[in-house]
Amino acid sequence: MSGPAAFDHFAIKVADEWIDYNGHLTDYAYAIILAAANEEFLLSLGLSEGYRERTGRTMFTAECHIQYRAEVGRELVRATSHLVELRGKGIRVQTTLMREDGVEAAFGEHVYVHVDGATGRPCEFDEATRTLLVATLSVVDDS
């Protein structure tokens, strides 16, 4: 990927209750961790709880796809998120989850829809928010 620097400020210690009977991170916990990482990313973009309180608009998760790439134990994991697409009424975020040893543990792709809280319907971003998001876009290199 190229473009603005990735958001790589998220880290979390795997909780004991997320470990399955095989001694590894259970599948639902990957989703919890990726969602928490993306919430921090949305916060960094100004699209979290404060945005909802200020504007009456919010972000809803519309799709989530996870690729499990390596087992994770009781360890610290880090996530790196990229905004890879800006749609009229939403965004697409790709997040990579890394183990302590640097091995890629999972890859998540999430689509978020921008929603007007008063109507409950998807809505366009205002011009200032759209400008910020365009400046944050990363380009996916498919070569």
N, C-alpha and C. Protein backbone atom coordinates (compact mmCIF):
# COMPACT_ATOMS: atom_id res chain seq x y z
N MET A 1 0.84 -1.18 0.00
CA MET A 1 0.00 0.00 0.00
C MET A 1 0.87 1.23 0.00
N SER A 2 0.37 2.27 -0.62
CA SER A 2 1.06 3.54 -0.57
C SER A 2 0.08 4.62 -0.17
N GLY A 3 0.59 5.81 0.04
CA GLY A 3 -0.27 6.90 0.49
C GLY A 3 0.09 7.27 1.91
N PRO A 4 -0.84 7.90 2.61
CA PRO A 4 -0.56 8.34 3.98
C PRO A 4 -0.13 7.16 4.87
N ALA A 5 0.58 7.50 5.91
CA ALA A 5 1.03 6.47 6.85
C ALA A 5 -0.16 5.74 7.44
N ALA A 6 0.04 4.49 7.69
CA ALA A 6 -1.01 3.66 8.30
C ALA A 6 -1.22 4.07 9.75
N PHE A 7 -2.41 3.78 10.25
CA PHE A 7 -2.69 3.98 11.66
C PHE A 7 -2.18 2.73 12.38
N ASP A 8 -1.12 2.86 13.14
CA ASP A 8 -0.50 1.70 13.79
C ASP A 8 -0.33 1.91 15.29
N HIS A 9 -1.30 2.57 15.90
CA HIS A 9 -1.22 2.91 17.32
C HIS A 9 -2.05 2.00 18.20
N PHE A 10 -2.45 0.84 17.70
CA PHE A 10 -3.30 -0.05 18.49
C PHE A 10 -2.54 -1.29 18.90
N ALA A 11 -2.60 -1.60 20.19
CA ALA A 11 -2.04 -2.84 20.72
C ALA A 11 -2.93 -3.29 21.88
N ILE A 12 -3.01 -4.61 22.04
CA ILE A 12 -3.84 -5.16 23.12
C ILE A 12 -3.27 -6.51 23.54
N LYS A 13 -3.34 -6.77 24.82
CA LYS A 13 -2.94 -8.07 25.36
C LYS A 13 -4.12 -9.03 25.21
N VAL A 14 -3.86 -10.19 24.69
CA VAL A 14 -4.91 -11.20 24.53
C VAL A 14 -5.42 -11.61 25.91
N ALA A 15 -6.72 -11.51 26.09
CA ALA A 15 -7.35 -11.85 27.37
C ALA A 15 -7.47 -13.37 27.52
N ASP A 16 -7.34 -13.85 28.74
CA ASP A 16 -7.43 -15.29 28.99
C ASP A 16 -8.74 -15.89 28.48
N GLU A 17 -9.85 -15.13 28.60
CA GLU A 17 -11.15 -15.68 28.18
C GLU A 17 -11.27 -15.78 26.66
N TRP A 18 -10.31 -15.23 25.92
CA TRP A 18 -10.33 -15.34 24.47
C TRP A 18 -9.56 -16.57 23.97
N ILE A 19 -8.94 -17.30 24.87
CA ILE A 19 -8.16 -18.48 24.50
C ILE A 19 -9.07 -19.72 24.51
N ASP A 20 -9.01 -20.49 23.43
CA ASP A 20 -9.87 -21.68 23.31
C ASP A 20 -9.20 -22.91 23.93
N TYR A 21 -9.86 -24.05 23.83
CA TYR A 21 -9.36 -25.28 24.43
C TYR A 21 -8.10 -25.82 23.75
N ASN A 22 -7.70 -25.24 22.61
CA ASN A 22 -6.44 -25.60 21.96
C ASN A 22 -5.29 -24.70 22.40
N GLY A 23 -5.60 -23.73 23.26
CA GLY A 23 -4.58 -22.82 23.74
C GLY A 23 -4.30 -21.65 22.81
N HIS A 24 -5.22 -21.41 21.87
CA HIS A 24 -5.04 -20.33 20.90
C HIS A 24 -6.21 -19.36 20.95
N LEU A 25 -5.99 -18.19 20.38
CA LEU A 25 -7.04 -17.19 20.26
C LEU A 25 -8.22 -17.79 19.50
N THR A 26 -9.42 -17.69 20.09
CA THR A 26 -10.61 -18.25 19.44
C THR A 26 -11.07 -17.33 18.31
N ASP A 27 -11.81 -17.88 17.36
CA ASP A 27 -12.16 -17.12 16.16
C ASP A 27 -12.91 -15.83 16.46
N TYR A 28 -13.86 -15.86 17.40
CA TYR A 28 -14.63 -14.64 17.67
C TYR A 28 -13.75 -13.53 18.26
N ALA A 29 -12.67 -13.89 18.92
CA ALA A 29 -11.81 -12.88 19.54
C ALA A 29 -11.01 -12.11 18.49
N TYR A 30 -10.70 -12.75 17.35
CA TYR A 30 -10.06 -12.00 16.27
C TYR A 30 -10.98 -10.85 15.86
N ALA A 31 -12.28 -11.13 15.77
CA ALA A 31 -13.26 -10.10 15.39
C ALA A 31 -13.31 -8.99 16.44
N ILE A 32 -13.26 -9.36 17.70
CA ILE A 32 -13.27 -8.36 18.78
C ILE A 32 -12.06 -7.45 18.67
N ILE A 33 -10.90 -8.04 18.48
CA ILE A 33 -9.66 -7.26 18.41
C ILE A 33 -9.65 -6.36 17.17
N LEU A 34 -10.04 -6.89 16.02
CA LEU A 34 -10.07 -6.08 14.81
C LEU A 34 -11.07 -4.93 14.93
N ALA A 35 -12.23 -5.21 15.52
CA ALA A 35 -13.23 -4.16 15.71
C ALA A 35 -12.71 -3.08 16.65
N ALA A 36 -12.03 -3.47 17.72
CA ALA A 36 -11.47 -2.49 18.66
C ALA A 36 -10.39 -1.64 17.98
N ALA A 37 -9.55 -2.28 17.17
CA ALA A 37 -8.51 -1.55 16.43
C ALA A 37 -9.15 -0.55 15.47
N ASN A 38 -10.19 -0.97 14.78
CA ASN A 38 -10.85 -0.07 13.84
C ASN A 38 -11.57 1.06 14.55
N GLU A 39 -12.10 0.81 15.73
CA GLU A 39 -12.74 1.88 16.49
C GLU A 39 -11.71 2.95 16.85
N GLU A 40 -10.50 2.54 17.21
CA GLU A 40 -9.42 3.50 17.48
C GLU A 40 -9.06 4.27 16.21
N PHE A 41 -9.06 3.58 15.08
CA PHE A 41 -8.78 4.23 13.80
C PHE A 41 -9.87 5.25 13.48
N LEU A 42 -11.14 4.87 13.65
CA LEU A 42 -12.25 5.81 13.42
C LEU A 42 -12.13 7.02 14.34
N LEU A 43 -11.73 6.78 15.59
CA LEU A 43 -11.52 7.87 16.54
C LEU A 43 -10.46 8.84 16.01
N SER A 44 -9.37 8.28 15.46
CA SER A 44 -8.29 9.12 14.93
C SER A 44 -8.76 9.95 13.74
N LEU A 45 -9.78 9.48 13.03
CA LEU A 45 -10.35 10.20 11.89
C LEU A 45 -11.44 11.18 12.32
N GLY A 46 -11.77 11.16 13.60
CA GLY A 46 -12.84 12.03 14.09
C GLY A 46 -14.22 11.49 13.82
N LEU A 47 -14.34 10.17 13.63
CA LEU A 47 -15.62 9.54 13.27
C LEU A 47 -16.16 8.61 14.34
N SER A 48 -15.87 8.89 15.59
CA SER A 48 -16.29 8.01 16.67
C SER A 48 -17.41 8.68 17.49
N GLU A 49 -17.45 8.40 18.76
CA GLU A 49 -18.53 8.87 19.62
C GLU A 49 -18.69 10.39 19.61
N GLY A 50 -17.58 11.11 19.66
CA GLY A 50 -17.66 12.57 19.64
C GLY A 50 -18.28 13.11 18.36
N TYR A 51 -18.02 12.43 17.24
CA TYR A 51 -18.60 12.81 15.96
C TYR A 51 -20.12 12.66 16.01
N ARG A 52 -20.58 11.55 16.57
CA ARG A 52 -22.02 11.31 16.70
C ARG A 52 -22.66 12.39 17.57
N GLU A 53 -22.01 12.70 18.69
CA GLU A 53 -22.55 13.71 19.60
C GLU A 53 -22.59 15.10 18.95
N ARG A 54 -21.58 15.41 18.15
CA ARG A 54 -21.46 16.72 17.51
C ARG A 54 -22.38 16.88 16.30
N THR A 55 -22.53 15.81 15.51
CA THR A 55 -23.21 15.93 14.22
C THR A 55 -24.53 15.17 14.13
N GLY A 56 -24.73 14.22 15.03
CA GLY A 56 -25.92 13.37 14.92
C GLY A 56 -25.74 12.26 13.88
N ARG A 57 -24.54 12.15 13.34
CA ARG A 57 -24.23 11.11 12.35
C ARG A 57 -23.22 10.13 12.96
N THR A 58 -23.19 8.93 12.41
CA THR A 58 -22.34 7.90 13.00
C THR A 58 -21.93 6.89 11.94
N MET A 59 -21.10 5.95 12.33
CA MET A 59 -20.64 4.90 11.43
C MET A 59 -21.20 3.56 11.91
N PHE A 60 -21.82 2.81 11.00
CA PHE A 60 -22.30 1.45 11.27
C PHE A 60 -21.46 0.47 10.47
N THR A 61 -21.16 -0.68 11.05
CA THR A 61 -20.47 -1.73 10.31
C THR A 61 -21.48 -2.41 9.40
N ALA A 62 -21.15 -2.49 8.10
CA ALA A 62 -22.02 -3.13 7.13
C ALA A 62 -21.50 -4.50 6.71
N GLU A 63 -20.18 -4.65 6.67
CA GLU A 63 -19.56 -5.93 6.28
C GLU A 63 -18.27 -6.11 7.06
N CYS A 64 -17.94 -7.37 7.29
CA CYS A 64 -16.68 -7.72 7.95
C CYS A 64 -16.21 -9.04 7.38
N HIS A 65 -14.97 -9.06 6.90
CA HIS A 65 -14.36 -10.29 6.39
C HIS A 65 -13.02 -10.47 7.09
N ILE A 66 -12.78 -11.66 7.60
CA ILE A 66 -11.54 -11.94 8.32
C ILE A 66 -10.84 -13.13 7.68
N GLN A 67 -9.54 -12.97 7.43
CA GLN A 67 -8.70 -14.07 7.00
C GLN A 67 -7.79 -14.42 8.17
N TYR A 68 -7.88 -15.65 8.63
CA TYR A 68 -7.05 -16.11 9.74
C TYR A 68 -5.75 -16.64 9.14
N ARG A 69 -4.62 -16.08 9.56
CA ARG A 69 -3.36 -16.42 8.92
C ARG A 69 -2.37 -17.12 9.83
N ALA A 70 -2.50 -16.97 11.15
CA ALA A 70 -1.59 -17.63 12.09
C ALA A 70 -2.24 -17.71 13.46
N GLU A 71 -1.85 -18.71 14.20
CA GLU A 71 -2.38 -18.86 15.56
C GLU A 71 -1.79 -17.78 16.47
N VAL A 72 -2.58 -17.40 17.46
CA VAL A 72 -2.16 -16.40 18.44
C VAL A 72 -2.38 -16.99 19.82
N GLY A 73 -1.41 -16.78 20.71
CA GLY A 73 -1.53 -17.25 22.09
C GLY A 73 -1.76 -16.08 23.03
N ARG A 74 -1.42 -16.29 24.28
CA ARG A 74 -1.53 -15.22 25.29
C ARG A 74 -0.36 -14.26 25.11
N GLU A 75 -0.57 -13.24 24.31
CA GLU A 75 0.51 -12.32 23.97
C GLU A 75 -0.07 -10.97 23.59
N LEU A 76 0.81 -10.01 23.42
CA LEU A 76 0.43 -8.69 22.94
C LEU A 76 0.32 -8.76 21.42
N VAL A 77 -0.77 -8.23 20.88
CA VAL A 77 -0.93 -8.15 19.44
C VAL A 77 -1.10 -6.69 19.05
N ARG A 78 -0.67 -6.37 17.84
CA ARG A 78 -0.76 -5.01 17.32
C ARG A 78 -1.55 -5.02 16.02
N ALA A 79 -2.17 -3.88 15.73
CA ALA A 79 -2.95 -3.78 14.50
C ALA A 79 -2.55 -2.53 13.74
N THR A 80 -2.57 -2.65 12.42
CA THR A 80 -2.32 -1.54 11.52
C THR A 80 -3.53 -1.41 10.60
N SER A 81 -4.09 -0.21 10.52
CA SER A 81 -5.29 0.01 9.72
C SER A 81 -5.03 1.03 8.62
N HIS A 82 -5.70 0.80 7.47
CA HIS A 82 -5.63 1.69 6.32
C HIS A 82 -7.04 1.98 5.83
N LEU A 83 -7.31 3.22 5.50
CA LEU A 83 -8.52 3.57 4.78
C LEU A 83 -8.22 3.35 3.31
N VAL A 84 -8.90 2.40 2.67
CA VAL A 84 -8.57 2.05 1.29
C VAL A 84 -9.63 2.45 0.28
N GLU A 85 -10.82 2.83 0.76
CA GLU A 85 -11.84 3.27 -0.18
C GLU A 85 -12.80 4.21 0.51
N LEU A 86 -13.16 5.26 -0.20
CA LEU A 86 -14.17 6.20 0.23
C LEU A 86 -15.31 6.08 -0.76
N ARG A 87 -16.45 5.65 -0.26
CA ARG A 87 -17.64 5.54 -1.11
C ARG A 87 -18.53 6.72 -0.78
N GLY A 88 -19.55 6.95 -1.54
CA GLY A 88 -20.44 8.08 -1.30
C GLY A 88 -20.96 8.15 0.12
N LYS A 89 -21.35 7.01 0.67
CA LYS A 89 -21.95 6.98 2.00
C LYS A 89 -21.21 6.02 2.93
N GLY A 90 -19.94 5.76 2.64
CA GLY A 90 -19.22 4.84 3.51
C GLY A 90 -17.75 4.75 3.19
N ILE A 91 -17.08 3.91 3.95
CA ILE A 91 -15.64 3.70 3.80
C ILE A 91 -15.32 2.21 3.91
N ARG A 92 -14.16 1.85 3.36
CA ARG A 92 -13.64 0.48 3.50
C ARG A 92 -12.28 0.58 4.16
N VAL A 93 -12.10 -0.22 5.23
CA VAL A 93 -10.89 -0.22 6.03
C VAL A 93 -10.27 -1.62 6.00
N GLN A 94 -8.97 -1.68 5.80
CA GLN A 94 -8.24 -2.94 5.88
C GLN A 94 -7.31 -2.88 7.08
N THR A 95 -7.33 -3.95 7.88
CA THR A 95 -6.56 -3.99 9.12
C THR A 95 -5.77 -5.29 9.19
N THR A 96 -4.50 -5.17 9.53
CA THR A 96 -3.63 -6.33 9.70
C THR A 96 -3.32 -6.49 11.19
N LEU A 97 -3.49 -7.70 11.68
CA LEU A 97 -3.20 -8.03 13.08
C LEU A 97 -1.89 -8.79 13.12
N MET A 98 -0.94 -8.31 13.94
CA MET A 98 0.39 -8.91 14.03
C MET A 98 0.64 -9.47 15.42
N ARG A 99 1.29 -10.63 15.46
CA ARG A 99 1.72 -11.20 16.74
C ARG A 99 2.96 -10.47 17.23
N GLU A 100 3.35 -10.77 18.48
CA GLU A 100 4.56 -10.16 19.06
C GLU A 100 5.81 -10.45 18.25
N ASP A 101 5.88 -11.64 17.63
CA ASP A 101 7.07 -12.02 16.88
C ASP A 101 7.07 -11.47 15.46
N GLY A 102 6.08 -10.62 15.12
CA GLY A 102 6.02 -10.00 13.80
C GLY A 102 5.27 -10.79 12.75
N VAL A 103 4.79 -11.97 13.10
CA VAL A 103 4.02 -12.79 12.15
C VAL A 103 2.62 -12.21 12.00
N GLU A 104 2.16 -12.13 10.74
CA GLU A 104 0.81 -11.66 10.48
C GLU A 104 -0.18 -12.72 10.93
N ALA A 105 -1.05 -12.35 11.85
CA ALA A 105 -2.00 -13.31 12.44
C ALA A 105 -3.35 -13.29 11.75
N ALA A 106 -3.78 -12.11 11.28
CA ALA A 106 -5.09 -12.01 10.63
C ALA A 106 -5.13 -10.76 9.77
N PHE A 107 -6.04 -10.80 8.83
CA PHE A 107 -6.30 -9.65 7.96
C PHE A 107 -7.80 -9.44 7.95
N GLY A 108 -8.22 -8.22 8.26
CA GLY A 108 -9.64 -7.91 8.27
C GLY A 108 -9.97 -6.80 7.30
N GLU A 109 -11.13 -6.93 6.70
CA GLU A 109 -11.64 -5.88 5.83
C GLU A 109 -13.04 -5.55 6.31
N HIS A 110 -13.26 -4.28 6.59
CA HIS A 110 -14.54 -3.82 7.13
C HIS A 110 -15.09 -2.70 6.27
N VAL A 111 -16.39 -2.75 6.02
CA VAL A 111 -17.09 -1.68 5.33
C VAL A 111 -17.98 -1.00 6.36
N TYR A 112 -17.83 0.32 6.46
CA TYR A 112 -18.62 1.12 7.39
C TYR A 112 -19.52 2.05 6.59
N VAL A 113 -20.76 2.19 7.03
CA VAL A 113 -21.72 3.07 6.38
C VAL A 113 -21.93 4.29 7.28
N HIS A 114 -21.95 5.45 6.66
CA HIS A 114 -22.19 6.71 7.34
C HIS A 114 -23.70 6.89 7.47
N VAL A 115 -24.19 7.03 8.70
CA VAL A 115 -25.63 7.00 8.97
C VAL A 115 -26.08 8.26 9.70
N ASP A 116 -27.21 8.80 9.25
CA ASP A 116 -27.85 9.92 9.93
C ASP A 116 -28.64 9.35 11.10
N GLY A 117 -28.27 9.73 12.32
CA GLY A 117 -28.92 9.19 13.52
C GLY A 117 -30.39 9.53 13.62
N ALA A 118 -30.81 10.66 13.04
CA ALA A 118 -32.21 11.07 13.12
C ALA A 118 -33.10 10.20 12.24
N THR A 119 -32.59 9.79 11.09
CA THR A 119 -33.41 9.00 10.15
C THR A 119 -33.06 7.52 10.16
N GLY A 120 -31.84 7.19 10.64
CA GLY A 120 -31.39 5.81 10.60
C GLY A 120 -31.00 5.36 9.20
N ARG A 121 -30.84 6.31 8.30
CA ARG A 121 -30.53 5.99 6.90
C ARG A 121 -29.12 6.44 6.54
N PRO A 122 -28.49 5.72 5.60
CA PRO A 122 -27.17 6.14 5.12
C PRO A 122 -27.23 7.56 4.55
N CYS A 123 -26.12 8.30 4.72
CA CYS A 123 -26.05 9.67 4.22
C CYS A 123 -24.64 9.99 3.77
N GLU A 124 -24.53 11.01 2.93
CA GLU A 124 -23.23 11.47 2.43
C GLU A 124 -22.44 12.12 3.58
N PHE A 125 -21.13 12.13 3.45
CA PHE A 125 -20.27 12.86 4.36
C PHE A 125 -20.33 14.35 4.02
N ASP A 126 -20.19 15.22 5.01
CA ASP A 126 -20.10 16.64 4.71
C ASP A 126 -18.75 16.89 4.04
N GLU A 127 -18.60 18.06 3.44
CA GLU A 127 -17.41 18.35 2.63
C GLU A 127 -16.12 18.32 3.45
N ALA A 128 -16.12 18.85 4.67
CA ALA A 128 -14.91 18.85 5.50
C ALA A 128 -14.48 17.43 5.85
N THR A 129 -15.44 16.58 6.19
CA THR A 129 -15.12 15.19 6.53
C THR A 129 -14.63 14.45 5.30
N ARG A 130 -15.28 14.66 4.17
CA ARG A 130 -14.87 14.01 2.91
C ARG A 130 -13.43 14.42 2.56
N THR A 131 -13.09 15.69 2.72
CA THR A 131 -11.74 16.17 2.43
C THR A 131 -10.71 15.48 3.31
N LEU A 132 -11.01 15.36 4.60
CA LEU A 132 -10.12 14.66 5.53
C LEU A 132 -9.95 13.20 5.12
N LEU A 133 -11.04 12.54 4.76
CA LEU A 133 -10.97 11.13 4.38
C LEU A 133 -10.18 10.94 3.09
N VAL A 134 -10.37 11.82 2.12
CA VAL A 134 -9.60 11.72 0.87
C VAL A 134 -8.11 11.84 1.17
N ALA A 135 -7.74 12.73 2.08
CA ALA A 135 -6.33 12.92 2.44
C ALA A 135 -5.76 11.71 3.17
N THR A 136 -6.63 10.89 3.75
CA THR A 136 -6.20 9.72 4.54
C THR A 136 -6.14 8.45 3.71
N LEU A 137 -6.72 8.46 2.52
CA LEU A 137 -6.80 7.25 1.70
C LEU A 137 -5.42 6.66 1.42
N SER A 138 -5.32 5.34 1.54
CA SER A 138 -4.15 4.59 1.12
C SER A 138 -4.48 3.92 -0.20
N VAL A 139 -3.49 3.75 -1.03
CA VAL A 139 -3.69 3.10 -2.31
C VAL A 139 -3.23 1.65 -2.20
N VAL A 140 -4.09 0.73 -2.62
CA VAL A 140 -3.76 -0.68 -2.60
C VAL A 140 -2.95 -1.01 -3.85
N ASP A 141 -1.78 -1.59 -3.66
CA ASP A 141 -0.92 -1.99 -4.79
C ASP A 141 -1.21 -3.45 -5.08
N ASP A 142 -1.88 -3.73 -6.19
CA ASP A 142 -2.24 -5.10 -6.57
C ASP A 142 -1.19 -5.78 -7.41
N SER A 143 -0.03 -5.16 -7.60
CA SER A 143 1.00 -5.77 -8.46
C SER A 143 1.73 -6.90 -7.78
